[in-house]
């Protein structure tokens, strides 16, 4: 087991707007994680790993290479299969920000489910009108 506890692990929010084939929007992917930079590689550790547990079998290279760790907030851009997909925003972790995005994601999922089940329901139409007026 190769320990990686010496690295500067940063708590982050991984935020990606998911797009579906033939659609503009599919939803929001939201995840908490730890990221670190090591020898040109961006490393990923699960949010549940304690600092002492961040070692080679449990930490994964993301596939992203960079000269140094960018200042958080940044967006991963490029091509190729990666553990963290292109277009993902890397945000500094704040519980309030994570809670806000989590609530918004859940509300969006509920709204899309309601539209799928009852697209002409007057309550849904009213919600859509209010939403479009506020944006």
N, C-alpha and C. Protein backbone atom coordinates (compact mmCIF):
# COMPACT_ATOMS: atom_id res chain seq x y z
N UNK A 1 0.86 -1.17 0.00
CA UNK A 1 0.00 0.00 0.00
C UNK A 1 0.90 1.24 0.00
N UNK A 2 0.70 2.10 -1.00
CA UNK A 2 1.48 3.33 -1.11
C UNK A 2 0.68 4.49 -0.52
N UNK A 3 1.12 5.05 0.60
CA UNK A 3 0.36 6.15 1.20
C UNK A 3 0.51 7.43 0.38
N UNK A 4 -0.57 8.17 0.29
CA UNK A 4 -0.58 9.44 -0.43
C UNK A 4 -1.05 10.57 0.49
N UNK A 5 -0.85 10.36 1.76
CA UNK A 5 -1.31 11.33 2.75
C UNK A 5 -0.50 12.61 2.73
N UNK A 6 0.68 12.59 2.12
CA UNK A 6 1.53 13.77 2.07
C UNK A 6 1.04 14.79 1.04
N UNK A 7 0.13 14.39 0.17
CA UNK A 7 -0.37 15.29 -0.87
C UNK A 7 -1.35 16.31 -0.30
N UNK A 8 -1.50 17.41 -1.00
CA UNK A 8 -2.43 18.47 -0.61
C UNK A 8 -3.82 18.14 -1.15
N UNK A 9 -4.57 17.35 -0.39
CA UNK A 9 -5.92 16.93 -0.80
C UNK A 9 -6.89 18.08 -0.59
N UNK A 10 -7.64 18.41 -1.63
CA UNK A 10 -8.61 19.49 -1.55
C UNK A 10 -10.02 18.94 -1.61
N UNK A 11 -10.86 19.31 -0.65
CA UNK A 11 -12.27 18.90 -0.72
C UNK A 11 -12.96 19.72 -1.81
N UNK A 12 -13.65 19.02 -2.71
CA UNK A 12 -14.27 19.70 -3.84
C UNK A 12 -15.68 19.17 -4.09
N UNK A 13 -16.40 19.94 -4.87
CA UNK A 13 -17.69 19.53 -5.42
C UNK A 13 -17.46 19.32 -6.91
N UNK A 14 -17.87 18.17 -7.42
CA UNK A 14 -17.82 17.89 -8.85
C UNK A 14 -19.23 18.07 -9.39
N UNK A 15 -19.40 19.03 -10.28
CA UNK A 15 -20.71 19.40 -10.80
C UNK A 15 -20.70 19.30 -12.31
N UNK A 16 -21.64 18.52 -12.85
CA UNK A 16 -21.71 18.35 -14.31
C UNK A 16 -23.17 18.39 -14.73
N UNK A 17 -23.45 19.24 -15.70
CA UNK A 17 -24.77 19.23 -16.32
C UNK A 17 -24.76 18.09 -17.33
N UNK A 18 -25.65 17.14 -17.13
CA UNK A 18 -25.70 15.95 -17.97
C UNK A 18 -26.63 16.21 -19.14
N UNK A 19 -26.14 15.92 -20.31
CA UNK A 19 -26.93 16.10 -21.52
C UNK A 19 -27.25 14.73 -22.10
N UNK A 20 -28.48 14.57 -22.56
CA UNK A 20 -28.90 13.30 -23.15
C UNK A 20 -28.98 13.43 -24.65
N UNK A 21 -28.86 12.31 -25.33
CA UNK A 21 -28.97 12.28 -26.77
C UNK A 21 -30.31 12.86 -27.19
N UNK A 22 -30.34 13.74 -28.16
CA UNK A 22 -31.53 14.40 -28.68
C UNK A 22 -32.20 15.32 -27.66
N UNK A 23 -31.45 15.78 -26.66
CA UNK A 23 -32.02 16.66 -25.64
C UNK A 23 -30.98 17.69 -25.23
N UNK A 24 -31.46 18.79 -24.68
CA UNK A 24 -30.55 19.83 -24.20
C UNK A 24 -30.04 19.52 -22.80
N UNK A 25 -30.90 18.91 -21.98
CA UNK A 25 -30.57 18.72 -20.58
C UNK A 25 -31.14 17.41 -20.08
N UNK A 26 -30.35 16.69 -19.29
CA UNK A 26 -30.83 15.46 -18.70
C UNK A 26 -30.89 15.55 -17.20
N UNK A 27 -30.12 16.45 -16.63
CA UNK A 27 -30.09 16.60 -15.18
C UNK A 27 -28.74 17.12 -14.73
N UNK A 28 -28.49 16.96 -13.45
CA UNK A 28 -27.26 17.45 -12.85
C UNK A 28 -26.60 16.29 -12.12
N UNK A 29 -25.32 16.09 -12.37
CA UNK A 29 -24.53 15.12 -11.63
C UNK A 29 -23.75 15.89 -10.57
N UNK A 30 -23.84 15.44 -9.34
CA UNK A 30 -23.24 16.16 -8.22
C UNK A 30 -22.54 15.16 -7.31
N UNK A 31 -21.28 15.46 -6.97
CA UNK A 31 -20.52 14.54 -6.14
C UNK A 31 -19.52 15.32 -5.30
N UNK A 32 -19.32 14.85 -4.08
CA UNK A 32 -18.25 15.38 -3.22
C UNK A 32 -17.06 14.46 -3.35
N UNK A 33 -15.86 15.04 -3.35
CA UNK A 33 -14.65 14.22 -3.48
C UNK A 33 -13.46 15.00 -2.95
N UNK A 34 -12.32 14.31 -2.94
CA UNK A 34 -11.04 14.95 -2.65
C UNK A 34 -10.18 14.81 -3.89
N UNK A 35 -9.51 15.89 -4.29
CA UNK A 35 -8.60 15.86 -5.42
C UNK A 35 -7.23 16.32 -4.96
N UNK A 36 -6.21 15.75 -5.59
CA UNK A 36 -4.83 16.16 -5.32
C UNK A 36 -4.04 16.07 -6.60
N UNK A 37 -2.96 16.83 -6.67
CA UNK A 37 -2.07 16.82 -7.82
C UNK A 37 -0.79 16.09 -7.42
N UNK A 38 -0.37 15.13 -8.27
CA UNK A 38 0.85 14.37 -7.98
C UNK A 38 1.56 14.03 -9.29
N UNK A 39 2.75 14.58 -9.46
CA UNK A 39 3.58 14.29 -10.62
C UNK A 39 2.82 14.43 -11.94
N UNK A 40 2.10 15.52 -12.08
CA UNK A 40 1.39 15.81 -13.32
C UNK A 40 0.03 15.17 -13.44
N UNK A 41 -0.35 14.33 -12.48
CA UNK A 41 -1.64 13.63 -12.52
C UNK A 41 -2.61 14.26 -11.52
N UNK A 42 -3.87 14.26 -11.89
CA UNK A 42 -4.92 14.66 -10.97
C UNK A 42 -5.48 13.39 -10.35
N UNK A 43 -5.40 13.28 -9.02
CA UNK A 43 -5.85 12.09 -8.30
C UNK A 43 -7.19 12.33 -7.63
N UNK A 44 -7.96 11.26 -7.52
CA UNK A 44 -9.31 11.29 -6.94
C UNK A 44 -9.38 10.37 -5.73
N UNK A 45 -9.96 10.88 -4.66
CA UNK A 45 -10.25 10.06 -3.48
C UNK A 45 -11.72 10.26 -3.13
N UNK A 46 -12.38 9.18 -2.80
CA UNK A 46 -13.79 9.23 -2.43
C UNK A 46 -13.97 10.10 -1.18
N UNK A 47 -15.12 10.75 -1.12
CA UNK A 47 -15.44 11.65 -0.02
C UNK A 47 -15.40 10.95 1.33
N UNK A 48 -15.69 9.66 1.34
CA UNK A 48 -15.78 8.92 2.61
C UNK A 48 -14.42 8.49 3.15
N UNK A 49 -13.35 8.65 2.36
CA UNK A 49 -12.02 8.24 2.82
C UNK A 49 -11.44 9.28 3.79
N UNK A 50 -11.05 8.80 4.95
CA UNK A 50 -10.35 9.67 5.89
C UNK A 50 -8.95 9.96 5.35
N UNK A 51 -8.33 11.03 5.82
CA UNK A 51 -7.00 11.43 5.32
C UNK A 51 -6.00 10.28 5.41
N UNK A 52 -6.01 9.53 6.50
CA UNK A 52 -5.05 8.43 6.69
C UNK A 52 -5.30 7.26 5.74
N UNK A 53 -6.49 7.18 5.15
CA UNK A 53 -6.84 6.07 4.26
C UNK A 53 -6.52 6.36 2.79
N UNK A 54 -6.07 7.56 2.49
CA UNK A 54 -5.80 7.93 1.10
C UNK A 54 -4.47 7.34 0.67
N UNK A 55 -4.59 6.13 0.10
CA UNK A 55 -3.42 5.36 -0.32
C UNK A 55 -3.71 4.74 -1.68
N UNK A 56 -2.67 4.26 -2.34
CA UNK A 56 -2.73 3.77 -3.71
C UNK A 56 -3.90 2.82 -4.03
N UNK A 57 -4.26 1.84 -3.24
CA UNK A 57 -5.37 0.99 -3.68
C UNK A 57 -6.73 1.68 -3.66
N UNK A 58 -6.86 2.77 -2.90
CA UNK A 58 -8.16 3.43 -2.74
C UNK A 58 -8.26 4.75 -3.48
N UNK A 59 -7.13 5.26 -3.96
CA UNK A 59 -7.06 6.52 -4.68
C UNK A 59 -6.83 6.21 -6.15
N UNK A 60 -7.49 6.95 -7.03
CA UNK A 60 -7.41 6.65 -8.45
C UNK A 60 -6.93 7.86 -9.25
N UNK A 61 -6.14 7.58 -10.27
CA UNK A 61 -5.80 8.62 -11.24
C UNK A 61 -7.05 8.91 -12.06
N UNK A 62 -7.33 10.16 -12.30
CA UNK A 62 -8.54 10.55 -13.03
C UNK A 62 -8.36 10.45 -14.53
N UNK A 63 -7.12 10.41 -14.99
CA UNK A 63 -6.86 10.47 -16.42
C UNK A 63 -6.53 11.88 -16.89
N UNK A 64 -6.74 12.85 -16.03
CA UNK A 64 -6.41 14.24 -16.36
C UNK A 64 -4.97 14.51 -15.97
N UNK A 65 -4.23 15.12 -16.88
CA UNK A 65 -2.87 15.52 -16.58
C UNK A 65 -2.77 17.03 -16.68
N UNK A 66 -1.96 17.60 -15.81
CA UNK A 66 -1.77 19.05 -15.79
C UNK A 66 -0.47 19.37 -15.08
N UNK A 67 0.10 20.51 -15.41
CA UNK A 67 1.38 20.92 -14.83
C UNK A 67 1.29 21.11 -13.32
N UNK A 68 0.19 21.72 -12.89
CA UNK A 68 -0.02 21.97 -11.46
C UNK A 68 -1.51 21.98 -11.20
N UNK A 69 -1.86 21.93 -9.93
CA UNK A 69 -3.27 21.94 -9.56
C UNK A 69 -3.82 23.35 -9.82
N UNK A 70 -4.83 23.46 -10.69
CA UNK A 70 -5.43 24.78 -10.93
C UNK A 70 -6.10 25.31 -9.66
N UNK A 71 -6.26 26.59 -9.61
CA UNK A 71 -7.01 27.19 -8.52
C UNK A 71 -8.46 26.75 -8.66
N UNK A 72 -9.01 26.23 -7.59
CA UNK A 72 -10.41 25.81 -7.60
C UNK A 72 -11.23 27.10 -7.61
N UNK A 73 -11.99 27.35 -8.47
CA UNK A 73 -12.97 26.79 -9.39
C UNK A 73 -12.36 26.67 -10.79
N UNK A 74 -12.55 25.49 -11.40
CA UNK A 74 -12.13 25.31 -12.79
C UNK A 74 -13.00 24.25 -13.43
N UNK A 75 -12.93 24.20 -14.76
CA UNK A 75 -13.71 23.24 -15.53
C UNK A 75 -12.75 22.33 -16.29
N UNK A 76 -12.98 21.05 -16.20
CA UNK A 76 -12.16 20.08 -16.93
C UNK A 76 -12.62 20.06 -18.39
N UNK A 77 -11.70 20.34 -19.29
CA UNK A 77 -12.02 20.40 -20.72
C UNK A 77 -11.05 19.53 -21.49
N UNK A 78 -11.55 18.83 -22.46
CA UNK A 78 -10.70 18.01 -23.31
C UNK A 78 -11.43 16.75 -23.77
N UNK A 79 -10.69 15.90 -24.44
CA UNK A 79 -11.28 14.67 -24.99
C UNK A 79 -10.68 13.44 -24.32
N UNK A 80 -11.37 12.34 -24.47
CA UNK A 80 -10.86 11.07 -23.97
C UNK A 80 -11.64 10.60 -22.76
N UNK A 81 -11.63 9.30 -22.55
CA UNK A 81 -12.33 8.71 -21.41
C UNK A 81 -11.58 9.04 -20.13
N UNK A 82 -12.26 9.57 -19.19
CA UNK A 82 -11.67 9.96 -17.92
C UNK A 82 -12.60 9.51 -16.79
N UNK A 83 -12.03 9.35 -15.62
CA UNK A 83 -12.85 9.01 -14.44
C UNK A 83 -13.82 10.16 -14.15
N UNK A 84 -13.36 11.38 -14.36
CA UNK A 84 -14.20 12.57 -14.22
C UNK A 84 -14.39 13.11 -15.64
N UNK A 85 -15.63 13.18 -16.15
CA UNK A 85 -15.82 13.53 -17.56
C UNK A 85 -15.51 14.99 -17.87
N UNK A 86 -15.20 15.21 -19.15
CA UNK A 86 -14.98 16.56 -19.65
C UNK A 86 -16.23 17.40 -19.42
N UNK A 87 -16.03 18.66 -19.11
CA UNK A 87 -17.16 19.56 -18.85
C UNK A 87 -17.56 19.64 -17.39
N UNK A 88 -16.90 18.85 -16.54
CA UNK A 88 -17.21 18.87 -15.12
C UNK A 88 -16.58 20.09 -14.47
N UNK A 89 -17.39 20.79 -13.68
CA UNK A 89 -16.89 21.91 -12.89
C UNK A 89 -16.33 21.36 -11.58
N UNK A 90 -15.17 21.86 -11.19
CA UNK A 90 -14.56 21.52 -9.90
C UNK A 90 -14.68 22.78 -9.05
N UNK A 91 -15.52 22.69 -8.03
CA UNK A 91 -15.80 23.83 -7.15
C UNK A 91 -15.22 23.58 -5.77
N UNK A 92 -14.81 24.64 -5.08
CA UNK A 92 -14.34 24.44 -3.70
C UNK A 92 -15.51 23.94 -2.85
N UNK A 93 -15.22 22.99 -1.96
CA UNK A 93 -16.31 22.44 -1.15
C UNK A 93 -16.73 23.40 -0.05
N UNK A 94 -18.01 23.66 -0.05
CA UNK A 94 -18.69 24.36 1.06
C UNK A 94 -19.99 23.62 1.25
N UNK A 95 -20.31 23.28 2.49
CA UNK A 95 -21.51 22.52 2.76
C UNK A 95 -22.75 23.23 2.24
N UNK A 96 -22.82 24.55 2.41
CA UNK A 96 -23.99 25.32 1.96
C UNK A 96 -24.14 25.25 0.45
N UNK A 97 -23.01 25.31 -0.29
CA UNK A 97 -23.08 25.24 -1.75
C UNK A 97 -23.50 23.84 -2.20
N UNK A 98 -22.96 22.81 -1.56
CA UNK A 98 -23.33 21.45 -1.91
C UNK A 98 -24.83 21.22 -1.63
N UNK A 99 -25.30 21.70 -0.51
CA UNK A 99 -26.72 21.55 -0.16
C UNK A 99 -27.61 22.27 -1.18
N UNK A 100 -27.19 23.46 -1.60
CA UNK A 100 -27.96 24.22 -2.58
C UNK A 100 -28.06 23.46 -3.91
N UNK A 101 -26.91 22.98 -4.42
CA UNK A 101 -26.93 22.23 -5.68
C UNK A 101 -27.67 20.91 -5.53
N UNK A 102 -27.57 20.26 -4.39
CA UNK A 102 -28.27 19.01 -4.16
C UNK A 102 -29.79 19.23 -4.16
N UNK A 103 -30.23 20.28 -3.50
CA UNK A 103 -31.67 20.61 -3.48
C UNK A 103 -32.17 20.97 -4.87
N UNK A 104 -31.39 21.76 -5.60
CA UNK A 104 -31.79 22.15 -6.95
C UNK A 104 -31.87 20.92 -7.87
N UNK A 105 -30.91 20.01 -7.73
CA UNK A 105 -30.90 18.80 -8.54
C UNK A 105 -32.13 17.94 -8.25
N UNK A 106 -32.46 17.79 -6.98
CA UNK A 106 -33.64 17.01 -6.60
C UNK A 106 -34.92 17.66 -7.11
N UNK A 107 -35.01 18.99 -7.00
CA UNK A 107 -36.20 19.70 -7.48
C UNK A 107 -36.34 19.55 -8.99
N UNK A 108 -35.23 19.65 -9.71
CA UNK A 108 -35.25 19.49 -11.16
C UNK A 108 -35.70 18.08 -11.53
N UNK A 109 -35.19 17.08 -10.83
CA UNK A 109 -35.58 15.69 -11.10
C UNK A 109 -37.08 15.49 -10.84
N UNK A 110 -37.58 16.07 -9.73
CA UNK A 110 -39.03 15.96 -9.44
C UNK A 110 -39.87 16.63 -10.52
N UNK A 111 -39.44 17.81 -10.95
CA UNK A 111 -40.18 18.54 -11.98
C UNK A 111 -40.20 17.74 -13.29
N UNK A 112 -39.06 17.21 -13.70
CA UNK A 112 -39.02 16.42 -14.93
C UNK A 112 -39.88 15.17 -14.83
N UNK A 113 -39.88 14.54 -13.65
CA UNK A 113 -40.74 13.36 -13.44
C UNK A 113 -42.22 13.75 -13.55
N UNK A 114 -42.59 14.86 -12.95
CA UNK A 114 -43.98 15.32 -13.02
C UNK A 114 -44.38 15.66 -14.45
N UNK A 115 -43.49 16.30 -15.20
CA UNK A 115 -43.78 16.61 -16.60
C UNK A 115 -43.96 15.32 -17.38
N UNK A 116 -43.13 14.32 -17.10
CA UNK A 116 -43.23 13.05 -17.79
C UNK A 116 -44.54 12.34 -17.48
N UNK A 117 -45.03 12.44 -16.25
CA UNK A 117 -46.24 11.73 -15.83
C UNK A 117 -47.53 12.49 -16.14
N UNK A 118 -47.50 13.82 -15.98
CA UNK A 118 -48.72 14.62 -16.13
C UNK A 118 -48.40 15.96 -16.81
N UNK A 119 -48.09 15.95 -18.09
CA UNK A 119 -47.61 17.17 -18.74
C UNK A 119 -48.64 18.29 -18.83
N UNK A 120 -49.92 17.99 -18.70
CA UNK A 120 -50.93 19.05 -18.80
C UNK A 120 -51.56 19.41 -17.45
N UNK A 121 -51.05 18.86 -16.37
CA UNK A 121 -51.58 19.17 -15.04
C UNK A 121 -51.46 20.68 -14.79
N UNK A 122 -52.54 21.31 -14.34
CA UNK A 122 -52.53 22.76 -14.11
C UNK A 122 -51.44 23.21 -13.12
N UNK A 123 -51.16 22.40 -12.10
CA UNK A 123 -50.11 22.76 -11.14
C UNK A 123 -48.72 22.77 -11.79
N UNK A 124 -48.51 21.83 -12.69
CA UNK A 124 -47.23 21.78 -13.40
C UNK A 124 -47.11 22.97 -14.35
N UNK A 125 -48.19 23.28 -15.04
CA UNK A 125 -48.18 24.43 -15.95
C UNK A 125 -47.89 25.71 -15.16
N UNK A 126 -48.51 25.86 -14.01
CA UNK A 126 -48.27 27.04 -13.16
C UNK A 126 -46.81 27.08 -12.70
N UNK A 127 -46.28 25.94 -12.29
CA UNK A 127 -44.87 25.88 -11.87
C UNK A 127 -43.95 26.27 -13.02
N UNK A 128 -44.25 25.77 -14.22
CA UNK A 128 -43.43 26.11 -15.38
C UNK A 128 -43.49 27.59 -15.72
N UNK A 129 -44.66 28.17 -15.60
CA UNK A 129 -44.82 29.61 -15.85
C UNK A 129 -43.98 30.40 -14.86
N UNK A 130 -44.08 30.06 -13.58
CA UNK A 130 -43.29 30.76 -12.55
C UNK A 130 -41.79 30.59 -12.77
N UNK A 131 -41.41 29.39 -13.13
CA UNK A 131 -40.00 29.11 -13.36
C UNK A 131 -39.46 29.92 -14.53
N UNK A 132 -40.19 29.92 -15.63
CA UNK A 132 -39.72 30.65 -16.81
C UNK A 132 -39.73 32.15 -16.59
N UNK A 133 -40.62 32.64 -15.76
CA UNK A 133 -40.64 34.08 -15.44
C UNK A 133 -39.47 34.47 -14.54
N UNK A 134 -39.03 33.54 -13.70
CA UNK A 134 -37.94 33.86 -12.77
C UNK A 134 -36.56 33.73 -13.38
N UNK A 135 -36.48 33.04 -14.50
CA UNK A 135 -35.16 32.83 -15.13
C UNK A 135 -34.91 33.85 -16.17
